[in-house]
């Protein structure tokens, strides 16, 4: 998944302000308690970050 696609999904699903805050503030246990922004910066595939956030925020699996 490209970063632009990831960003678009985040903004469409959660709204721009909420999505941006989630990426900076929400620690994702499945990613070693890193934030989404930290994980992506460290080279984690945005698709993996997207799926982890979807699980944490109970997004229906058909939207993953």
Protein backbone atom coordinates (compact mmCIF):
# COMPACT_ATOMS: atom_id res chain seq x y z
CA UNK A 1 0.00 0.00 0.00
CA UNK A 2 1.30 3.43 -0.88
CA UNK A 3 1.45 6.10 1.76
CA UNK A 4 -0.95 8.28 -0.24
CA UNK A 5 -3.54 5.48 -0.29
CA UNK A 6 -3.05 4.95 3.45
CA UNK A 7 -3.56 8.66 4.15
CA UNK A 8 -6.68 8.76 1.99
CA UNK A 9 -8.16 5.73 3.79
CA UNK A 10 -7.38 7.26 7.18
CA UNK A 11 -8.97 10.60 6.30
CA UNK A 12 -12.01 9.00 4.65
CA UNK A 13 -12.62 6.57 7.52
CA UNK A 14 -11.85 8.74 10.54
CA UNK A 15 -11.86 12.33 9.29
CA UNK A 16 -8.69 14.35 8.74
CA UNK A 17 -8.25 15.78 12.24
CA UNK A 18 -9.00 12.54 14.05
CA UNK A 19 -6.85 10.47 11.68
CA UNK A 20 -3.89 12.83 12.04
CA UNK A 21 -4.21 12.76 15.84
CA UNK A 22 -4.51 8.96 15.88
CA UNK A 23 -1.29 8.58 13.90
CA UNK A 24 0.61 10.74 16.36
CA UNK A 25 -1.00 9.77 19.67
CA UNK A 26 -2.38 6.23 19.60
CA UNK A 27 0.09 3.53 20.65
CA UNK A 28 -0.58 0.34 18.66
CA UNK A 29 0.19 -2.74 20.74
CA UNK A 30 0.46 -4.96 17.64
CA UNK A 31 3.28 -2.72 16.43
CA UNK A 32 5.34 -2.76 19.60
CA UNK A 33 3.42 0.09 21.26
CA UNK A 34 4.58 2.50 18.57
CA UNK A 35 2.31 5.11 17.09
CA UNK A 36 1.29 4.72 13.47
CA UNK A 37 3.56 7.62 12.54
CA UNK A 38 6.53 6.04 14.32
CA UNK A 39 5.90 2.66 12.71
CA UNK A 40 5.69 4.10 9.21
CA UNK A 41 8.79 6.22 9.80
CA UNK A 42 10.63 3.07 10.87
CA UNK A 43 9.68 1.27 7.66
CA UNK A 44 6.56 -0.69 8.61
CA UNK A 45 4.29 -1.22 5.61
CA UNK A 46 1.38 1.26 5.78
CA UNK A 47 -1.02 -1.66 5.07
CA UNK A 48 0.10 -3.30 8.32
CA UNK A 49 -0.41 -0.02 10.20
CA UNK A 50 -3.84 0.40 8.58
CA UNK A 51 -4.96 -3.09 9.61
CA UNK A 52 -3.68 -2.63 13.16
CA UNK A 53 -5.56 0.66 13.50
CA UNK A 54 -8.69 -0.94 12.04
CA UNK A 55 -8.53 -3.67 14.69
CA UNK A 56 -7.94 -1.16 17.51
CA UNK A 57 -10.81 1.08 16.41
CA UNK A 58 -13.20 -1.71 15.38
CA UNK A 59 -13.46 -0.84 11.71
CA UNK A 60 -15.45 -3.60 9.98
CA UNK A 61 -13.08 -6.13 8.34
CA UNK A 62 -14.62 -5.55 4.90
CA UNK A 63 -13.13 -2.01 5.01
CA UNK A 64 -9.56 -3.25 5.65
